[in-house]
N, C-alpha and C. Protein backbone atom coordinates (compact mmCIF):
# COMPACT_ATOMS: atom_id res chain seq x y z
N MET A 1 0.85 -1.18 0.00
CA MET A 1 0.00 0.00 0.00
C MET A 1 0.90 1.24 0.00
N ILE A 2 0.64 2.09 -0.95
CA ILE A 2 1.46 3.29 -1.08
C ILE A 2 0.80 4.44 -0.32
N LYS A 3 1.54 5.00 0.63
CA LYS A 3 1.03 6.15 1.39
C LYS A 3 1.29 7.43 0.60
N ARG A 4 0.26 8.25 0.54
CA ARG A 4 0.41 9.53 -0.13
C ARG A 4 0.53 10.64 0.91
N TRP A 5 1.54 11.41 0.79
CA TRP A 5 1.76 12.51 1.72
C TRP A 5 1.26 13.81 1.09
N SER A 6 0.45 14.52 1.87
CA SER A 6 -0.02 15.81 1.36
C SER A 6 0.94 16.89 1.82
N ILE A 7 1.22 17.78 0.97
CA ILE A 7 2.15 18.86 1.28
C ILE A 7 1.37 20.15 1.48
N LYS A 8 1.45 20.72 2.69
CA LYS A 8 0.77 21.97 2.99
C LYS A 8 1.72 23.13 2.72
N GLU A 9 1.29 23.95 1.84
CA GLU A 9 2.13 25.08 1.48
C GLU A 9 2.02 26.19 2.52
N GLY A 10 3.11 26.86 2.86
CA GLY A 10 3.08 27.99 3.78
C GLY A 10 2.78 29.28 3.03
N PHE A 11 2.78 30.37 3.78
CA PHE A 11 2.54 31.66 3.15
C PHE A 11 3.75 32.05 2.29
N THR A 12 3.45 32.68 1.22
CA THR A 12 4.54 33.22 0.41
C THR A 12 5.03 34.51 1.05
N LEU A 13 6.20 34.95 0.64
CA LEU A 13 6.75 36.20 1.18
C LEU A 13 5.81 37.37 0.89
N ALA A 14 5.24 37.37 -0.28
CA ALA A 14 4.32 38.46 -0.65
C ALA A 14 3.11 38.49 0.27
N GLU A 15 2.57 37.30 0.58
CA GLU A 15 1.40 37.22 1.45
C GLU A 15 1.74 37.69 2.87
N VAL A 16 2.91 37.31 3.34
CA VAL A 16 3.34 37.74 4.67
C VAL A 16 3.47 39.26 4.72
N LEU A 17 4.07 39.83 3.69
CA LEU A 17 4.25 41.28 3.66
C LEU A 17 2.91 42.01 3.60
N ILE A 18 1.98 41.45 2.83
CA ILE A 18 0.64 42.06 2.75
C ILE A 18 -0.04 42.02 4.11
N THR A 19 0.06 40.86 4.79
CA THR A 19 -0.56 40.71 6.11
C THR A 19 0.03 41.70 7.11
N ILE A 20 1.34 41.81 7.10
CA ILE A 20 2.00 42.77 8.00
C ILE A 20 1.56 44.19 7.69
N GLY A 21 1.43 44.49 6.42
CA GLY A 21 0.99 45.83 6.02
C GLY A 21 -0.40 46.14 6.50
N VAL A 22 -1.31 45.16 6.37
CA VAL A 22 -2.69 45.35 6.83
C VAL A 22 -2.73 45.57 8.34
N ILE A 23 -1.97 44.75 9.07
CA ILE A 23 -1.91 44.91 10.53
C ILE A 23 -1.39 46.29 10.90
N GLY A 24 -0.37 46.75 10.18
CA GLY A 24 0.18 48.07 10.46
C GLY A 24 -0.82 49.18 10.21
N ILE A 25 -1.59 49.06 9.14
CA ILE A 25 -2.60 50.07 8.82
C ILE A 25 -3.69 50.11 9.89
N VAL A 26 -4.16 48.92 10.27
CA VAL A 26 -5.20 48.84 11.30
C VAL A 26 -4.70 49.43 12.61
N SER A 27 -3.46 49.11 12.97
CA SER A 27 -2.89 49.65 14.22
C SER A 27 -2.78 51.17 14.16
N ALA A 28 -2.36 51.67 13.00
CA ALA A 28 -2.21 53.12 12.85
C ALA A 28 -3.55 53.84 12.97
N LEU A 29 -4.61 53.17 12.54
CA LEU A 29 -5.94 53.78 12.60
C LEU A 29 -6.56 53.70 13.99
N THR A 30 -6.28 52.62 14.70
CA THR A 30 -6.96 52.40 15.98
C THR A 30 -6.15 52.88 17.19
N LEU A 31 -4.82 52.85 17.10
CA LEU A 31 -3.99 53.19 18.25
C LEU A 31 -4.24 54.61 18.78
N PRO A 32 -4.35 55.63 17.92
CA PRO A 32 -4.63 56.98 18.45
C PRO A 32 -5.92 57.05 19.25
N ASN A 33 -6.95 56.33 18.82
CA ASN A 33 -8.21 56.33 19.56
C ASN A 33 -8.06 55.63 20.91
N VAL A 34 -7.28 54.55 20.92
CA VAL A 34 -7.04 53.84 22.18
C VAL A 34 -6.31 54.76 23.16
N ILE A 35 -5.31 55.47 22.66
CA ILE A 35 -4.54 56.40 23.51
C ILE A 35 -5.43 57.51 24.04
N GLN A 36 -6.27 58.08 23.16
CA GLN A 36 -7.18 59.15 23.58
C GLN A 36 -8.15 58.67 24.65
N ASN A 37 -8.71 57.49 24.44
CA ASN A 37 -9.66 56.96 25.42
C ASN A 37 -8.99 56.73 26.77
N THR A 38 -7.75 56.25 26.74
CA THR A 38 -7.00 56.05 27.99
C THR A 38 -6.77 57.38 28.69
N LYS A 39 -6.36 58.39 27.93
CA LYS A 39 -6.13 59.72 28.52
C LYS A 39 -7.41 60.30 29.10
N LYS A 40 -8.51 60.12 28.39
CA LYS A 40 -9.79 60.65 28.87
C LYS A 40 -10.23 59.96 30.16
N ASN A 41 -10.04 58.64 30.21
CA ASN A 41 -10.41 57.91 31.43
C ASN A 41 -9.56 58.36 32.61
N GLU A 42 -8.27 58.56 32.38
CA GLU A 42 -7.39 59.02 33.45
C GLU A 42 -7.77 60.43 33.90
N ALA A 43 -8.07 61.30 32.93
CA ALA A 43 -8.46 62.68 33.26
C ALA A 43 -9.77 62.70 34.04
N THR A 44 -10.73 61.90 33.62
CA THR A 44 -12.02 61.83 34.31
C THR A 44 -11.83 61.42 35.76
N ALA A 45 -11.02 60.38 35.98
CA ALA A 45 -10.78 59.90 37.34
C ALA A 45 -10.15 60.99 38.21
N LYS A 46 -9.19 61.72 37.66
CA LYS A 46 -8.52 62.78 38.44
C LYS A 46 -9.47 63.94 38.74
N ILE A 47 -10.25 64.34 37.75
CA ILE A 47 -11.17 65.47 37.94
C ILE A 47 -12.22 65.13 38.99
N LYS A 48 -12.79 63.95 38.90
CA LYS A 48 -13.81 63.54 39.88
C LYS A 48 -13.21 63.48 41.29
N LYS A 49 -12.00 62.94 41.38
CA LYS A 49 -11.33 62.86 42.69
C LYS A 49 -11.06 64.25 43.23
N PHE A 50 -10.59 65.15 42.38
CA PHE A 50 -10.28 66.52 42.80
C PHE A 50 -11.52 67.21 43.36
N ILE A 51 -12.62 67.14 42.65
CA ILE A 51 -13.85 67.79 43.10
C ILE A 51 -14.29 67.24 44.45
N SER A 52 -14.24 65.91 44.58
CA SER A 52 -14.65 65.27 45.83
C SER A 52 -13.74 65.67 46.99
N VAL A 53 -12.43 65.62 46.76
CA VAL A 53 -11.47 65.91 47.83
C VAL A 53 -11.57 67.36 48.28
N ILE A 54 -11.67 68.30 47.33
CA ILE A 54 -11.74 69.71 47.68
C ILE A 54 -13.04 70.03 48.42
N ASN A 55 -14.15 69.50 47.94
CA ASN A 55 -15.42 69.79 48.62
C ASN A 55 -15.46 69.18 50.02
N GLN A 56 -14.84 68.02 50.21
CA GLN A 56 -14.75 67.44 51.55
C GLN A 56 -13.88 68.30 52.45
N ALA A 57 -12.78 68.83 51.90
CA ALA A 57 -11.91 69.71 52.68
C ALA A 57 -12.66 70.97 53.11
N LEU A 58 -13.48 71.51 52.22
CA LEU A 58 -14.25 72.72 52.53
C LEU A 58 -15.26 72.46 53.65
N ILE A 59 -15.88 71.30 53.62
CA ILE A 59 -16.84 70.95 54.68
C ILE A 59 -16.13 70.87 56.02
N ARG A 60 -14.96 70.23 56.05
CA ARG A 60 -14.20 70.11 57.30
C ARG A 60 -13.71 71.47 57.77
N ALA A 61 -13.31 72.32 56.82
CA ALA A 61 -12.84 73.66 57.19
C ALA A 61 -13.96 74.49 57.79
N GLU A 62 -15.17 74.33 57.28
CA GLU A 62 -16.31 75.07 57.84
C GLU A 62 -16.59 74.65 59.27
N LEU A 63 -16.37 73.38 59.56
CA LEU A 63 -16.56 72.91 60.94
C LEU A 63 -15.54 73.55 61.87
N ASP A 64 -14.34 73.79 61.35
CA ASP A 64 -13.27 74.37 62.17
C ASP A 64 -13.28 75.89 62.21
N TYR A 65 -13.69 76.52 61.11
CA TYR A 65 -13.55 77.98 61.00
C TYR A 65 -14.88 78.72 60.84
N GLY A 66 -15.97 77.99 60.85
CA GLY A 66 -17.26 78.66 60.77
C GLY A 66 -17.71 78.90 59.34
N ASN A 67 -18.80 79.66 59.22
CA ASN A 67 -19.44 79.90 57.93
C ASN A 67 -18.45 80.46 56.90
N ARG A 68 -18.54 79.93 55.71
CA ARG A 68 -17.62 80.33 54.65
C ARG A 68 -17.75 81.80 54.26
N GLU A 69 -18.88 82.40 54.52
CA GLU A 69 -19.07 83.81 54.19
C GLU A 69 -18.09 84.71 54.95
N ASP A 70 -17.58 84.21 56.06
CA ASP A 70 -16.64 84.99 56.88
C ASP A 70 -15.18 84.67 56.57
N TRP A 71 -14.95 83.83 55.58
CA TRP A 71 -13.59 83.46 55.24
C TRP A 71 -12.86 84.59 54.53
N ILE A 72 -11.61 84.33 54.22
CA ILE A 72 -10.74 85.33 53.60
C ILE A 72 -11.34 85.86 52.31
N LYS A 73 -11.39 87.17 52.23
CA LYS A 73 -11.77 87.84 51.00
C LYS A 73 -10.63 88.77 50.63
N GLY A 74 -9.85 88.37 49.66
CA GLY A 74 -8.66 89.15 49.32
C GLY A 74 -8.78 89.84 47.98
N GLU A 75 -7.71 90.48 47.61
CA GLU A 75 -7.64 91.13 46.31
C GLU A 75 -7.10 90.15 45.28
N MET A 76 -7.68 90.22 44.08
CA MET A 76 -7.17 89.39 43.00
C MET A 76 -5.71 89.76 42.75
N ASN A 77 -4.95 88.80 42.26
CA ASN A 77 -3.52 89.01 41.98
C ASN A 77 -2.72 89.27 43.25
N ASN A 78 -3.17 88.70 44.37
CA ASN A 78 -2.47 88.90 45.63
C ASN A 78 -1.97 87.54 46.13
N TYR A 79 -0.63 87.36 46.10
CA TYR A 79 -0.05 86.10 46.54
C TYR A 79 -0.46 85.76 47.97
N ASP A 80 -0.35 86.74 48.84
CA ASP A 80 -0.55 86.49 50.26
C ASP A 80 -1.95 85.96 50.56
N SER A 81 -2.97 86.56 49.94
CA SER A 81 -4.35 86.11 50.18
C SER A 81 -4.54 84.68 49.69
N SER A 82 -3.97 84.37 48.52
CA SER A 82 -4.12 83.04 47.94
C SER A 82 -3.41 81.99 48.79
N ILE A 83 -2.20 82.31 49.22
CA ILE A 83 -1.44 81.37 50.05
C ILE A 83 -2.13 81.17 51.40
N GLU A 84 -2.63 82.25 51.98
CA GLU A 84 -3.32 82.15 53.27
C GLU A 84 -4.57 81.28 53.14
N PHE A 85 -5.29 81.43 52.03
CA PHE A 85 -6.49 80.62 51.82
C PHE A 85 -6.14 79.14 51.77
N LEU A 86 -5.13 78.79 50.97
CA LEU A 86 -4.75 77.38 50.85
C LEU A 86 -4.21 76.84 52.17
N ASN A 87 -3.38 77.61 52.84
CA ASN A 87 -2.78 77.18 54.11
C ASN A 87 -3.82 76.95 55.19
N THR A 88 -4.88 77.77 55.16
CA THR A 88 -5.88 77.72 56.23
C THR A 88 -6.99 76.72 55.95
N TYR A 89 -7.54 76.75 54.75
CA TYR A 89 -8.79 76.04 54.49
C TYR A 89 -8.67 74.77 53.65
N ILE A 90 -7.54 74.56 53.00
CA ILE A 90 -7.44 73.41 52.11
C ILE A 90 -6.32 72.44 52.51
N LYS A 91 -5.10 72.94 52.57
CA LYS A 91 -3.94 72.06 52.78
C LYS A 91 -4.03 71.20 54.04
N PRO A 92 -4.50 71.71 55.19
CA PRO A 92 -4.54 70.87 56.39
C PRO A 92 -5.41 69.62 56.24
N TYR A 93 -6.29 69.61 55.26
CA TYR A 93 -7.24 68.51 55.12
C TYR A 93 -6.89 67.57 53.96
N ILE A 94 -5.75 67.82 53.32
CA ILE A 94 -5.32 66.97 52.21
C ILE A 94 -3.90 66.51 52.49
N THR A 95 -3.71 65.24 52.69
CA THR A 95 -2.40 64.70 53.04
C THR A 95 -1.44 64.76 51.84
N ASN A 96 -0.17 64.87 52.16
CA ASN A 96 0.90 64.87 51.15
C ASN A 96 0.72 65.94 50.08
N SER A 97 0.25 67.09 50.49
CA SER A 97 0.13 68.22 49.56
C SER A 97 1.08 69.33 50.01
N LYS A 98 1.52 70.13 49.07
CA LYS A 98 2.42 71.23 49.43
C LYS A 98 2.09 72.47 48.61
N ILE A 99 2.38 73.63 49.19
CA ILE A 99 2.03 74.91 48.57
C ILE A 99 3.25 75.52 47.89
N GLU A 100 3.00 76.11 46.75
CA GLU A 100 4.05 76.81 46.00
C GLU A 100 3.54 78.20 45.64
N LYS A 101 4.36 79.20 45.85
CA LYS A 101 4.01 80.56 45.46
C LYS A 101 4.08 80.65 43.94
N GLY A 102 3.00 81.11 43.32
CA GLY A 102 2.93 81.09 41.86
C GLY A 102 2.64 79.68 41.40
N GLY A 103 3.33 79.21 40.38
CA GLY A 103 3.23 77.82 39.95
C GLY A 103 2.11 77.52 38.99
N ALA A 104 1.24 78.50 38.70
CA ALA A 104 0.14 78.25 37.77
C ALA A 104 0.69 78.00 36.37
N THR A 105 0.04 77.13 35.62
CA THR A 105 0.57 76.73 34.32
C THR A 105 -0.07 77.47 33.14
N ILE A 106 -1.15 78.23 33.38
CA ILE A 106 -1.79 78.89 32.24
C ILE A 106 -2.04 80.37 32.47
N THR A 107 -1.68 80.92 33.60
CA THR A 107 -1.92 82.34 33.85
C THR A 107 -0.69 82.97 34.46
N THR A 108 -0.42 84.21 34.08
CA THR A 108 0.72 84.92 34.64
C THR A 108 0.31 85.76 35.84
N GLU A 109 -0.99 85.78 36.13
CA GLU A 109 -1.46 86.54 37.27
C GLU A 109 -1.02 85.85 38.56
N ARG A 110 -0.95 86.61 39.62
CA ARG A 110 -0.42 86.09 40.88
C ARG A 110 -1.36 85.06 41.49
N THR A 111 -0.85 83.89 41.67
CA THR A 111 -1.64 82.79 42.22
C THR A 111 -0.80 82.03 43.24
N ALA A 112 -1.47 81.19 44.00
CA ALA A 112 -0.79 80.21 44.84
C ALA A 112 -1.21 78.84 44.34
N THR A 113 -0.32 77.89 44.45
CA THR A 113 -0.57 76.56 43.88
C THR A 113 -0.41 75.50 44.95
N LEU A 114 -1.36 74.55 44.96
CA LEU A 114 -1.29 73.41 45.86
C LEU A 114 -1.02 72.17 45.02
N LYS A 115 0.09 71.51 45.30
CA LYS A 115 0.49 70.33 44.54
C LYS A 115 0.05 69.07 45.28
N PHE A 116 -0.53 68.12 44.52
CA PHE A 116 -1.04 66.87 45.09
C PHE A 116 -0.07 65.72 44.82
N SER A 117 -0.23 64.66 45.58
CA SER A 117 0.70 63.53 45.50
C SER A 117 0.62 62.78 44.18
N ASP A 118 -0.49 62.92 43.44
CA ASP A 118 -0.63 62.21 42.17
C ASP A 118 -0.06 62.99 40.99
N GLY A 119 0.61 64.11 41.27
CA GLY A 119 1.23 64.89 40.21
C GLY A 119 0.37 66.01 39.67
N SER A 120 -0.89 66.06 40.07
CA SER A 120 -1.77 67.15 39.64
C SER A 120 -1.62 68.33 40.59
N GLN A 121 -2.24 69.46 40.25
CA GLN A 121 -2.14 70.64 41.10
C GLN A 121 -3.32 71.57 40.86
N MET A 122 -3.61 72.39 41.87
CA MET A 122 -4.62 73.43 41.72
C MET A 122 -3.98 74.78 42.02
N SER A 123 -4.27 75.76 41.17
CA SER A 123 -3.82 77.13 41.41
C SER A 123 -5.06 77.97 41.68
N ILE A 124 -4.93 78.97 42.55
CA ILE A 124 -6.10 79.72 42.98
C ILE A 124 -5.81 81.22 43.01
N LYS A 125 -6.82 82.00 42.62
CA LYS A 125 -6.81 83.45 42.78
C LYS A 125 -7.96 83.80 43.72
N VAL A 126 -7.66 84.54 44.76
CA VAL A 126 -8.66 84.86 45.78
C VAL A 126 -9.27 86.22 45.50
N GLY A 127 -10.60 86.26 45.49
CA GLY A 127 -11.34 87.52 45.35
C GLY A 127 -12.69 87.33 46.03
N THR A 128 -13.71 88.00 45.53
CA THR A 128 -15.06 87.76 46.06
C THR A 128 -15.41 86.29 45.91
N CYS A 129 -15.10 85.75 44.74
CA CYS A 129 -15.11 84.30 44.53
C CYS A 129 -13.67 83.87 44.28
N TYR A 130 -13.43 82.58 44.30
CA TYR A 130 -12.08 82.07 44.11
C TYR A 130 -12.00 81.36 42.76
N ASP A 131 -11.13 81.85 41.89
CA ASP A 131 -10.90 81.19 40.60
C ASP A 131 -9.90 80.06 40.81
N ILE A 132 -10.26 78.87 40.33
CA ILE A 132 -9.43 77.69 40.54
C ILE A 132 -9.07 77.07 39.19
N PHE A 133 -7.78 76.77 39.02
CA PHE A 133 -7.30 76.13 37.80
C PHE A 133 -6.70 74.78 38.20
N TYR A 134 -7.35 73.70 37.77
CA TYR A 134 -6.88 72.36 38.12
C TYR A 134 -6.13 71.77 36.93
N ASP A 135 -4.86 71.48 37.14
CA ASP A 135 -4.01 70.91 36.09
C ASP A 135 -3.77 69.44 36.42
N ILE A 136 -4.25 68.56 35.55
CA ILE A 136 -4.23 67.13 35.85
C ILE A 136 -2.83 66.53 35.82
N ASN A 137 -1.87 67.21 35.19
CA ASN A 137 -0.51 66.65 35.14
C ASN A 137 0.55 67.66 35.56
N GLY A 138 0.16 68.63 36.37
CA GLY A 138 1.12 69.59 36.88
C GLY A 138 1.74 70.44 35.79
N LYS A 139 3.04 70.62 35.83
CA LYS A 139 3.70 71.52 34.88
C LYS A 139 3.99 70.88 33.53
N LYS A 140 3.67 69.61 33.37
CA LYS A 140 3.84 68.97 32.07
C LYS A 140 2.88 69.60 31.06
N GLY A 141 3.26 69.58 29.78
CA GLY A 141 2.41 70.16 28.75
C GLY A 141 1.15 69.34 28.51
N PRO A 142 0.22 69.87 27.74
CA PRO A 142 0.33 71.11 26.95
C PRO A 142 -0.01 72.38 27.73
N ASN A 143 -0.50 72.25 28.97
CA ASN A 143 -0.88 73.42 29.78
C ASN A 143 -1.88 74.31 29.03
N GLU A 144 -2.98 73.70 28.67
CA GLU A 144 -4.01 74.38 27.89
C GLU A 144 -5.39 74.06 28.47
N ARG A 145 -6.21 75.08 28.60
CA ARG A 145 -7.57 74.87 29.11
C ARG A 145 -8.31 73.86 28.23
N GLY A 146 -8.95 72.92 28.90
CA GLY A 146 -9.74 71.93 28.18
C GLY A 146 -8.98 70.71 27.75
N ARG A 147 -7.64 70.76 27.87
CA ARG A 147 -6.82 69.60 27.52
C ARG A 147 -6.20 68.99 28.77
N ASP A 148 -5.47 69.79 29.53
CA ASP A 148 -4.97 69.28 30.81
C ASP A 148 -5.25 70.25 31.96
N VAL A 149 -5.81 71.42 31.65
CA VAL A 149 -6.20 72.39 32.68
C VAL A 149 -7.70 72.62 32.61
N PHE A 150 -8.35 72.53 33.77
CA PHE A 150 -9.80 72.69 33.83
C PHE A 150 -10.14 73.74 34.89
N GLN A 151 -10.96 74.70 34.49
CA GLN A 151 -11.21 75.87 35.33
C GLN A 151 -12.48 75.70 36.15
N PHE A 152 -12.36 76.03 37.44
CA PHE A 152 -13.48 75.95 38.38
C PHE A 152 -13.63 77.29 39.09
N ILE A 153 -14.70 77.41 39.85
CA ILE A 153 -14.91 78.60 40.67
C ILE A 153 -15.52 78.17 42.00
N LEU A 154 -15.17 78.87 43.05
CA LEU A 154 -15.75 78.63 44.37
C LEU A 154 -16.17 79.98 44.94
N CYS A 155 -17.43 80.12 45.29
CA CYS A 155 -17.92 81.36 45.87
C CYS A 155 -18.16 81.17 47.36
N ARG A 156 -17.97 82.23 48.11
CA ARG A 156 -18.07 82.13 49.56
C ARG A 156 -19.50 81.94 50.02
N LYS A 157 -20.46 82.33 49.20
CA LYS A 157 -21.87 82.14 49.57
C LYS A 157 -22.70 81.91 48.32
N SER A 158 -23.82 81.22 48.50
CA SER A 158 -24.72 80.96 47.38
C SER A 158 -25.25 82.28 46.84
N GLY A 159 -25.39 82.35 45.53
CA GLY A 159 -25.92 83.56 44.91
C GLY A 159 -24.86 84.42 44.27
N GLU A 160 -23.62 84.31 44.75
CA GLU A 160 -22.55 85.05 44.09
C GLU A 160 -22.32 84.45 42.71
N CYS A 161 -22.02 85.29 41.77
CA CYS A 161 -21.91 84.89 40.36
C CYS A 161 -23.25 84.38 39.84
N ASN A 162 -24.34 84.74 40.54
CA ASN A 162 -25.69 84.38 40.11
C ASN A 162 -25.89 82.88 39.94
N VAL A 163 -25.15 82.10 40.70
CA VAL A 163 -25.31 80.65 40.67
C VAL A 163 -25.51 80.16 42.09
N ASN A 164 -26.53 79.36 42.30
CA ASN A 164 -26.86 78.90 43.64
C ASN A 164 -26.02 77.66 43.99
N SER A 165 -24.79 77.89 44.34
CA SER A 165 -23.90 76.79 44.70
C SER A 165 -22.81 77.30 45.62
N ASN A 166 -22.49 76.55 46.65
CA ASN A 166 -21.39 76.94 47.53
C ASN A 166 -20.30 75.87 47.54
N GLN A 167 -20.25 75.09 46.45
CA GLN A 167 -19.21 74.09 46.29
C GLN A 167 -18.35 74.44 45.08
N VAL A 168 -17.22 73.77 44.98
CA VAL A 168 -16.40 73.92 43.78
C VAL A 168 -17.21 73.43 42.59
N ARG A 169 -17.27 74.23 41.56
CA ARG A 169 -18.07 73.89 40.38
C ARG A 169 -17.36 74.44 39.14
N PRO A 170 -17.75 73.99 37.95
CA PRO A 170 -17.14 74.53 36.73
C PRO A 170 -17.29 76.04 36.65
N TYR A 171 -16.29 76.69 36.10
CA TYR A 171 -16.34 78.15 36.03
C TYR A 171 -17.47 78.62 35.13
N TYR A 172 -18.34 79.44 35.72
CA TYR A 172 -19.39 80.13 34.97
C TYR A 172 -19.90 81.23 35.87
N CYS A 173 -19.81 82.46 35.42
CA CYS A 173 -20.20 83.60 36.25
C CYS A 173 -21.03 84.57 35.40
N PRO A 174 -22.31 84.26 35.19
CA PRO A 174 -23.15 85.07 34.30
C PRO A 174 -23.57 86.39 34.93
N ALA A 175 -23.74 87.39 34.10
CA ALA A 175 -24.25 88.68 34.59
C ALA A 175 -25.73 88.58 34.90
N ASN A 176 -26.41 87.65 34.23
CA ASN A 176 -27.85 87.47 34.40
C ASN A 176 -28.11 86.06 34.90
N ALA A 177 -28.78 85.94 36.03
CA ALA A 177 -29.02 84.62 36.62
C ALA A 177 -29.89 83.74 35.73
N ASN A 178 -30.67 84.37 34.86
CA ASN A 178 -31.57 83.61 33.99
C ASN A 178 -30.93 83.22 32.66
N LYS A 179 -29.69 83.64 32.47
CA LYS A 179 -29.00 83.35 31.21
C LYS A 179 -28.00 82.23 31.41
N TYR A 180 -28.29 81.09 30.79
CA TYR A 180 -27.37 79.96 30.85
C TYR A 180 -27.02 79.60 29.41
N PRO A 181 -25.76 79.37 29.12
CA PRO A 181 -25.37 79.11 27.73
C PRO A 181 -25.97 77.82 27.19
N THR A 182 -26.26 77.82 25.91
CA THR A 182 -26.75 76.62 25.25
C THR A 182 -25.60 75.62 25.12
N HIS A 183 -25.94 74.39 24.80
CA HIS A 183 -24.91 73.37 24.61
C HIS A 183 -23.92 73.79 23.53
N GLN A 184 -24.43 74.36 22.45
CA GLN A 184 -23.55 74.79 21.36
C GLN A 184 -22.67 75.95 21.79
N GLU A 185 -23.20 76.86 22.59
CA GLU A 185 -22.39 77.98 23.09
C GLU A 185 -21.27 77.48 23.99
N ILE A 186 -21.57 76.46 24.78
CA ILE A 186 -20.54 75.87 25.65
C ILE A 186 -19.44 75.24 24.80
N ILE A 187 -19.83 74.50 23.76
CA ILE A 187 -18.85 73.88 22.87
C ILE A 187 -17.99 74.94 22.18
N ASP A 188 -18.65 76.00 21.67
CA ASP A 188 -17.91 77.07 20.98
C ASP A 188 -16.88 77.72 21.91
N ASN A 189 -17.28 77.97 23.16
CA ASN A 189 -16.35 78.56 24.12
C ASN A 189 -15.21 77.60 24.42
N CYS A 190 -15.54 76.32 24.54
CA CYS A 190 -14.52 75.31 24.82
C CYS A 190 -13.48 75.29 23.71
N ILE A 191 -13.94 75.41 22.47
CA ILE A 191 -13.03 75.40 21.33
C ILE A 191 -12.15 76.65 21.32
N ASN A 192 -12.76 77.80 21.52
CA ASN A 192 -12.07 79.08 21.32
C ASN A 192 -11.32 79.58 22.55
N GLU A 193 -11.89 79.38 23.73
CA GLU A 193 -11.28 79.91 24.95
C GLU A 193 -10.91 78.83 25.96
N GLY A 194 -11.65 77.74 25.96
CA GLY A 194 -11.35 76.63 26.86
C GLY A 194 -11.92 76.75 28.26
N VAL A 195 -12.54 77.90 28.57
CA VAL A 195 -13.05 78.13 29.93
C VAL A 195 -14.23 77.21 30.23
N TYR A 196 -15.14 77.05 29.26
CA TYR A 196 -16.36 76.27 29.51
C TYR A 196 -16.18 74.78 29.26
N CYS A 197 -14.97 74.33 28.99
CA CYS A 197 -14.76 72.89 28.78
C CYS A 197 -15.18 72.10 30.02
N THR A 198 -14.92 72.66 31.20
CA THR A 198 -15.31 71.99 32.44
C THR A 198 -16.83 71.94 32.55
N LEU A 199 -17.49 72.99 32.09
CA LEU A 199 -18.95 73.03 32.09
C LEU A 199 -19.50 71.94 31.17
N LEU A 200 -18.83 71.72 30.05
CA LEU A 200 -19.23 70.67 29.12
C LEU A 200 -19.10 69.29 29.76
N LEU A 201 -18.04 69.10 30.53
CA LEU A 201 -17.86 67.82 31.22
C LEU A 201 -18.94 67.62 32.28
N GLN A 202 -19.29 68.68 32.98
CA GLN A 202 -20.32 68.57 34.02
C GLN A 202 -21.65 68.09 33.43
N GLU A 203 -21.96 68.51 32.22
CA GLU A 203 -23.19 68.07 31.57
C GLU A 203 -23.23 66.56 31.39
N ASN A 204 -22.06 65.94 31.40
CA ASN A 204 -21.96 64.50 31.14
C ASN A 204 -21.38 63.76 32.34
N GLN A 205 -21.70 64.26 33.55
CA GLN A 205 -21.21 63.66 34.80
C GLN A 205 -19.68 63.54 34.82
N TYR A 206 -19.03 64.52 34.23
CA TYR A 206 -17.57 64.62 34.18
C TYR A 206 -16.92 63.49 33.39
N GLU A 207 -17.70 62.87 32.51
CA GLU A 207 -17.15 61.97 31.51
C GLU A 207 -16.98 62.79 30.22
N PHE A 208 -15.99 62.44 29.42
CA PHE A 208 -15.79 63.18 28.18
C PHE A 208 -16.81 62.73 27.13
N PRO A 209 -17.68 63.64 26.68
CA PRO A 209 -18.71 63.26 25.72
C PRO A 209 -18.12 63.02 24.33
N LYS A 210 -18.90 62.37 23.48
CA LYS A 210 -18.42 62.07 22.13
C LYS A 210 -18.11 63.33 21.34
N ASP A 211 -18.86 64.41 21.63
CA ASP A 211 -18.64 65.64 20.87
C ASP A 211 -17.63 66.57 21.55
N TYR A 212 -16.85 66.03 22.49
CA TYR A 212 -15.85 66.87 23.15
C TYR A 212 -14.87 67.38 22.09
N PRO A 213 -14.68 68.69 22.00
CA PRO A 213 -13.98 69.26 20.84
C PRO A 213 -12.46 69.32 20.91
N LYS A 214 -11.87 68.87 21.99
CA LYS A 214 -10.41 68.94 22.12
C LYS A 214 -9.80 67.56 22.33
N ARG A 215 -8.60 67.39 21.82
CA ARG A 215 -7.84 66.17 22.08
C ARG A 215 -6.95 66.40 23.29
N LEU A 216 -6.87 65.41 24.15
CA LEU A 216 -6.06 65.55 25.36
C LEU A 216 -4.58 65.30 25.07
């Protein structure tokens, strides 16, 4: 009985090269999206943690120092007022944080900066309300609103800036309490100025929506 052996042919060099080329094209198309999604997830986690930690610190500070309406009201562009605010009401309630004079990554105005153990930081300007700039990666680039810097505001009492909130919230200070920007106006501002990017995130529970107009 004669046994017949079947010969299985392997891939030719041309077929291997074509396969490698296809894999390379697919990777080139999908990898940027994977990277963006990873960055967005990391940014979301940091922003949510920041809001929670700061608001908890404010609650504890009120227990120690009384009603927030009586807290420091300083002049904008004043290092001393900003540093005093952080030293008194925020830093004691956040472990492994340290204060730096100046240190803001997107403004040349006088600010004080609180650095966190995860590499992020918040810079603050003290006035009637407190302007807060949260940078998710500290002094690393791109240092741009809506990409790695997100702007918040904290008012000493409800009603200031015509918004009924006494917690850290996305920056929005309307002249008219009845005027709230439309979704498209928020997107346009996020694209052009970056200030309302945080407001856009708030609309989506601080997750980055599909129509988020900036790449991180």
